[in-house]
Each structure stands twice: as structure tokens, then as C-alpha cells.
C-alpha atoms as a PDB file:
ATOM      1  CA  MET A   1      15.808 -18.455 -34.673  1.00  0.00           C
ATOM      2  CA  PHE A   2      16.070 -21.462 -32.349  1.00  0.00           C
ATOM      3  CA  LEU A   3      18.737 -19.771 -30.214  1.00  0.00           C
ATOM      4  CA  ARG A   4      16.580 -16.658 -29.809  1.00  0.00           C
ATOM      5  CA  LEU A   5      13.639 -18.801 -28.721  1.00  0.00           C
ATOM      6  CA  LYS A   6      15.867 -20.685 -26.291  1.00  0.00           C
ATOM      7  CA  ALA A   7      17.079 -17.352 -24.885  1.00  0.00           C
ATOM      8  CA  ARG A   8      13.494 -16.107 -24.448  1.00  0.00           C
ATOM      9  CA  VAL A   9      12.409 -19.275 -22.651  1.00  0.00           C
ATOM     10  CA  GLY A  10      15.501 -19.159 -20.423  1.00  0.00           C
ATOM     11  CA  TYR A  11      14.860 -15.511 -19.614  1.00  0.00           C
ATOM     12  CA  TRP A  12      11.198 -16.167 -18.830  1.00  0.00           C
ATOM     13  CA  LEU A  13      12.166 -18.991 -16.460  1.00  0.00           C
ATOM     14  CA  ALA A  14      14.932 -16.898 -14.867  1.00  0.00           C
ATOM     15  CA  ARG A  15      12.499 -14.057 -14.157  1.00  0.00           C
ATOM     16  CA  ARG A  16      10.208 -16.549 -12.382  1.00  0.00           C
ATOM     17  CA  LEU A  17      13.036 -18.126 -10.379  1.00  0.00           C
ATOM     18  CA  PHE A  18      14.358 -14.684  -9.429  1.00  0.00           C
ATOM     19  CA  HIS A  19      11.538 -14.427  -6.884  1.00  0.00           C
ATOM     20  CA  TRP A  20      12.595 -17.634  -5.129  1.00  0.00           C
ATOM     21  CA  SER A  21      15.083 -16.365  -2.572  1.00  0.00           C
ATOM     22  CA  TRP A  22      16.522 -19.805  -1.814  1.00  0.00           C
ATOM     23  CA  PHE A  23      17.446 -20.198  -5.495  1.00  0.00           C
ATOM     24  CA  VAL A  24      18.987 -16.732  -5.754  1.00  0.00           C
ATOM     25  CA  ARG A  25      21.164 -17.375  -2.689  1.00  0.00           C
ATOM     26  CA  GLN A  26      22.733 -20.433  -4.317  1.00  0.00           C
ATOM     27  CA  PRO A  27      25.935 -19.421  -6.161  1.00  0.00           C
ATOM     28  CA  ARG A  28      25.254 -21.751  -9.095  1.00  0.00           C
ATOM     29  CA  GLY A  29      21.636 -20.605  -9.246  1.00  0.00           C
ATOM     30  CA  TRP A  30      22.593 -16.931  -9.260  1.00  0.00           C
ATOM     31  CA  LYS A  31      25.244 -17.504 -11.909  1.00  0.00           C
ATOM     32  CA  TRP A  32      22.671 -19.212 -14.151  1.00  0.00           C
ATOM     33  CA  LEU A  33      20.136 -16.409 -13.598  1.00  0.00           C
ATOM     34  CA  GLU A  34      22.726 -13.771 -14.391  1.00  0.00           C
ATOM     35  CA  GLY A  35      23.666 -15.578 -17.589  1.00  0.00           C
ATOM     36  CA  GLN A  36      20.037 -15.615 -18.749  1.00  0.00           C
ATOM     37  CA  PHE A  37      19.577 -11.917 -17.951  1.00  0.00           C
ATOM     38  CA  ALA A  38      22.821 -10.981 -19.717  1.00  0.00           C
ATOM     39  CA  ARG A  39      21.974 -13.057 -22.804  1.00  0.00           C
ATOM     40  CA  MET A  40      18.612 -11.364 -23.327  1.00  0.00           C
ATOM     41  CA  ALA A  41      20.039  -7.914 -22.621  1.00  0.00           C
ATOM     42  CA  ASN A  42      22.782  -8.510 -25.194  1.00  0.00           C
ATOM     43  CA  LEU A  43      20.183  -9.617 -27.731  1.00  0.00           C
ATOM     44  CA  GLY A  44      18.660  -6.130 -27.445  1.00  0.00           C
ATOM     45  CA  ASP A  45      15.536  -6.861 -25.412  1.00  0.00           C
ATOM     46  CA  VAL A  46      14.648  -3.505 -23.819  1.00  0.00           C
ATOM     47  CA  GLY A  47      12.919  -5.041 -20.795  1.00  0.00           C
ATOM     48  CA  ALA A  48      15.912  -7.268 -20.113  1.00  0.00           C
ATOM     49  CA  GLN A  49      18.305  -4.342 -20.502  1.00  0.00           C
ATOM     50  CA  SER A  50      16.312  -2.349 -17.974  1.00  0.00           C
ATOM     51  CA  PHE A  51      15.938  -5.234 -15.520  1.00  0.00           C
ATOM     52  CA  TYR A  52      19.542  -6.433 -15.670  1.00  0.00           C
ATOM     53  CA  GLY A  53      20.821  -2.852 -15.771  1.00  0.00           C
ATOM     54  CA  HIS A  54      19.033  -2.117 -12.502  1.00  0.00           C
ATOM     55  CA  ILE A  55      20.468  -5.260 -10.918  1.00  0.00           C
ATOM     56  CA  LEU A  56      24.025  -4.456 -11.973  1.00  0.00           C
ATOM     57  CA  THR A  57      23.811  -0.768 -11.098  1.00  0.00           C
ATOM     58  CA  PHE A  58      22.409  -1.207  -7.613  1.00  0.00           C
ATOM     59  CA  ARG A  59      23.471  -4.736  -6.610  1.00  0.00           C
ATOM     60  CA  GLY A  60      26.476  -5.475  -8.817  1.00  0.00           C
ATOM     61  CA  VAL A  61      29.866  -6.081  -7.278  1.00  0.00           C
ATOM     62  CA  GLY A  62      32.606  -3.697  -8.378  1.00  0.00           C
ATOM     63  CA  LEU A  63      32.889  -0.619 -10.549  1.00  0.00           C
ATOM     64  CA  GLY A  64      32.778  -2.659 -13.763  1.00  0.00           C
ATOM     65  CA  ALA A  65      29.373  -4.085 -12.882  1.00  0.00           C
ATOM     66  CA  ARG A  66      28.029  -0.642 -12.071  1.00  0.00           C
ATOM     67  CA  GLU A  67      29.358   0.829 -15.323  1.00  0.00           C
ATOM     68  CA  GLU A  68      27.815  -2.039 -17.327  1.00  0.00           C
ATOM     69  CA  GLY A  69      24.535  -1.527 -15.482  1.00  0.00           C
ATOM     70  CA  VAL A  70      24.483   2.170 -16.349  1.00  0.00           C
ATOM     71  CA  ARG A  71      25.287   1.323 -19.988  1.00  0.00           C
ATOM     72  CA  LEU A  72      22.364  -1.109 -20.146  1.00  0.00           C
ATOM     73  CA  LEU A  73      20.054   1.405 -18.472  1.00  0.00           C
ATOM     74  CA  ARG A  74      21.059   4.034 -21.046  1.00  0.00           C
ATOM     75  CA  LEU A  75      20.293   1.652 -23.908  1.00  0.00           C
ATOM     76  CA  ALA A  76      16.883   0.835 -22.439  1.00  0.00           C
ATOM     77  CA  ALA A  77      16.168   4.514 -21.755  1.00  0.00           C
ATOM     78  CA  LEU A  78      17.018   5.542 -25.304  1.00  0.00           C
ATOM     79  CA  ALA A  79      14.659   2.803 -26.514  1.00  0.00           C
ATOM     80  CA  GLY A  80      11.831   4.401 -24.493  1.00  0.00           C
ATOM     81  CA  ASP A  81      11.800   2.514 -21.174  1.00  0.00           C
ATOM     82  CA  GLY A  82      10.483   4.988 -18.593  1.00  0.00           C
ATOM     83  CA  LYS A  83      11.904   3.354 -15.482  1.00  0.00           C
ATOM     84  CA  ALA A  84      15.376   3.128 -16.993  1.00  0.00           C
ATOM     85  CA  ALA A  85      15.194   6.741 -18.233  1.00  0.00           C
ATOM     86  CA  TYR A  86      14.219   7.944 -14.766  1.00  0.00           C
ATOM     87  CA  GLN A  87      17.137   6.092 -13.151  1.00  0.00           C
ATOM     88  CA  VAL A  88      19.630   7.384 -15.727  1.00  0.00           C
ATOM     89  CA  GLY A  89      18.397  10.892 -14.939  1.00  0.00           C
ATOM     90  CA  VAL A  90      18.946  10.318 -11.214  1.00  0.00           C
ATOM     91  CA  LEU A  91      22.406   8.891 -11.865  1.00  0.00           C
ATOM     92  CA  SER A  92      23.286  11.762 -14.219  1.00  0.00           C
ATOM     93  CA  LEU A  93      22.368  14.336 -11.596  1.00  0.00           C
ATOM     94  CA  ALA A  94      24.293  12.476  -8.880  1.00  0.00           C
ATOM     95  CA  GLY A  95      27.328  11.800 -11.053  1.00  0.00           C
ATOM     96  CA  THR A  96      29.423   8.664 -11.241  1.00  0.00           C
ATOM     97  CA  PRO A  97      33.044   7.979 -10.343  1.00  0.00           C
ATOM     98  CA  SER A  98      34.014   8.500 -13.971  1.00  0.00           C
ATOM     99  CA  LYS A  99      31.634  11.385 -14.774  1.00  0.00           C
ATOM    100  CA  ALA A 100      30.687  14.678 -13.108  1.00  0.00           C
ATOM    101  CA  PRO A 101      27.028  15.531 -12.369  1.00  0.00           C
ATOM    102  CA  ASP A 102      25.234  16.707 -15.511  1.00  0.00           C
ATOM    103  CA  PRO A 103      21.868  18.464 -14.966  1.00  0.00           C
ATOM    104  CA  ALA A 104      21.269  18.839 -18.721  1.00  0.00           C
ATOM    105  CA  GLU A 105      21.598  15.098 -19.262  1.00  0.00           C
ATOM    106  CA  ALA A 106      19.333  14.434 -16.272  1.00  0.00           C
ATOM    107  CA  ALA A 107      16.687  16.723 -17.777  1.00  0.00           C
ATOM    108  CA  ARG A 108      17.010  14.957 -21.138  1.00  0.00           C
ATOM    109  CA  PHE A 109      16.457  11.505 -19.658  1.00  0.00           C
ATOM    110  CA  TRP A 110      13.662  12.695 -17.359  1.00  0.00           C
ATOM    111  CA  GLY A 111      11.995  14.111 -20.465  1.00  0.00           C
ATOM    112  CA  ILE A 112      12.148  10.646 -22.024  1.00  0.00           C
ATOM    113  CA  ALA A 113      10.697   9.186 -18.819  1.00  0.00           C
ATOM    114  CA  VAL A 114       7.843  11.722 -18.833  1.00  0.00           C
ATOM    115  CA  LYS A 115       6.973  10.727 -22.400  1.00  0.00           C
ATOM    116  CA  ALA A 116       6.972   7.072 -21.289  1.00  0.00           C
ATOM    117  CA  GLY A 117       4.579   7.916 -18.444  1.00  0.00           C
ATOM    118  CA  HIS A 118       6.873   7.588 -15.416  1.00  0.00           C
ATOM    119  CA  PRO A 119       5.026   9.144 -12.442  1.00  0.00           C
ATOM    120  CA  LEU A 120       8.023  10.761 -10.662  1.00  0.00           C
ATOM    121  CA  ALA A 121       9.903  12.015 -13.707  1.00  0.00           C
ATOM    122  CA  GLU A 122       7.695  15.055 -14.246  1.00  0.00           C
ATOM    123  CA  ILE A 123       8.101  16.098 -10.598  1.00  0.00           C
ATOM    124  CA  LYS A 124      11.893  15.733 -10.755  1.00  0.00           C
ATOM    125  CA  LEU A 125      12.038  17.625 -14.045  1.00  0.00           C
ATOM    126  CA  LYS A 126      10.012  20.527 -12.618  1.00  0.00           C
ATOM    127  CA  GLU A 127      12.225  20.611  -9.506  1.00  0.00           C
ATOM    128  CA  LEU A 128      15.343  20.696 -11.661  1.00  0.00           C
ATOM    129  CA  VAL A 129      14.015  23.473 -13.890  1.00  0.00           C
ATOM    130  CA  SER A 130      12.891  25.591 -10.929  1.00  0.00           C
ATOM    131  CA  ARG A 131      16.227  25.005  -9.153  1.00  0.00           C
ATOM    132  CA  ASP A 132      18.181  26.071 -12.234  1.00  0.00           C
ATOM    133  CA  SER A 133      15.971  29.127 -12.783  1.00  0.00           C
ATOM    134  CA  LEU A 134      16.707  30.311  -9.219  1.00  0.00           C
ATOM    135  CA  LYS A 135      20.448  30.484  -9.890  1.00  0.00           C
END
């Protein structure tokens, strides 16, 4: 109980400090922030999984960071996070180094994003369906 509360407070503070560019540029500061984000994501917080997943996927260094970011985004998407579901759909359609493009998976995740109210997901889903129906 106490450790979960400590993790929540650390995550809250890290999200506030994330907007201070001078702090983020400091190696020790960034390492601390990343530790707070990872701790909350590993505890199963959907918002933290989405946030940290986006950071790792688009700003992480190396293939391992990107793969972990996509894993966290998938977890958040399956829990109903619209932004994460939209990004997983985009990544599924583009493919990854370890996986070929999968339009069916993209449609599945964009469907989740539509249910969550993501504004672009419905447009992308319609484009995908019309593109596939033309073939």
C-alpha cells in the first residue's frame, strides 16, 4: 500500500517535471523521470503505460526501447486507452522490424480507439476499409 502511494506521488511529480526542459536534459534527471514512468507502467496504470509507451516508441534509443514501447502501448490500448489504440493501429499498418504490416490488426485497434472516442481513428478506419474494398 505504501509503495503504491509512493509510486503514485513519484509519477505525479515526474509528470510535472517532464515539462521543465532543463530538468529533462540533465542525465540524472532524465534517468529519475524514466524510473518513475517505468514503475507506474509496470504497476499496471493505463495512463502511465500509454505515456511511457509513447516516449519509448518514438524517442527511445535502440530497438529494445521501441519494442518495449509498443508492448506498453498494446497493454494500454487493450485496456481502452484511445490514444494508445490509435498509435498501435498506425504501427500495425506500417509494420515493425520484427513484424510485417497487418491491416486486420490495425482495423482492430482503430475500432478500439473509435469506441474510446479518438477523433482520427474513425477516419483512418474508413480509409482502410475503402482501400481494402477497392482491391
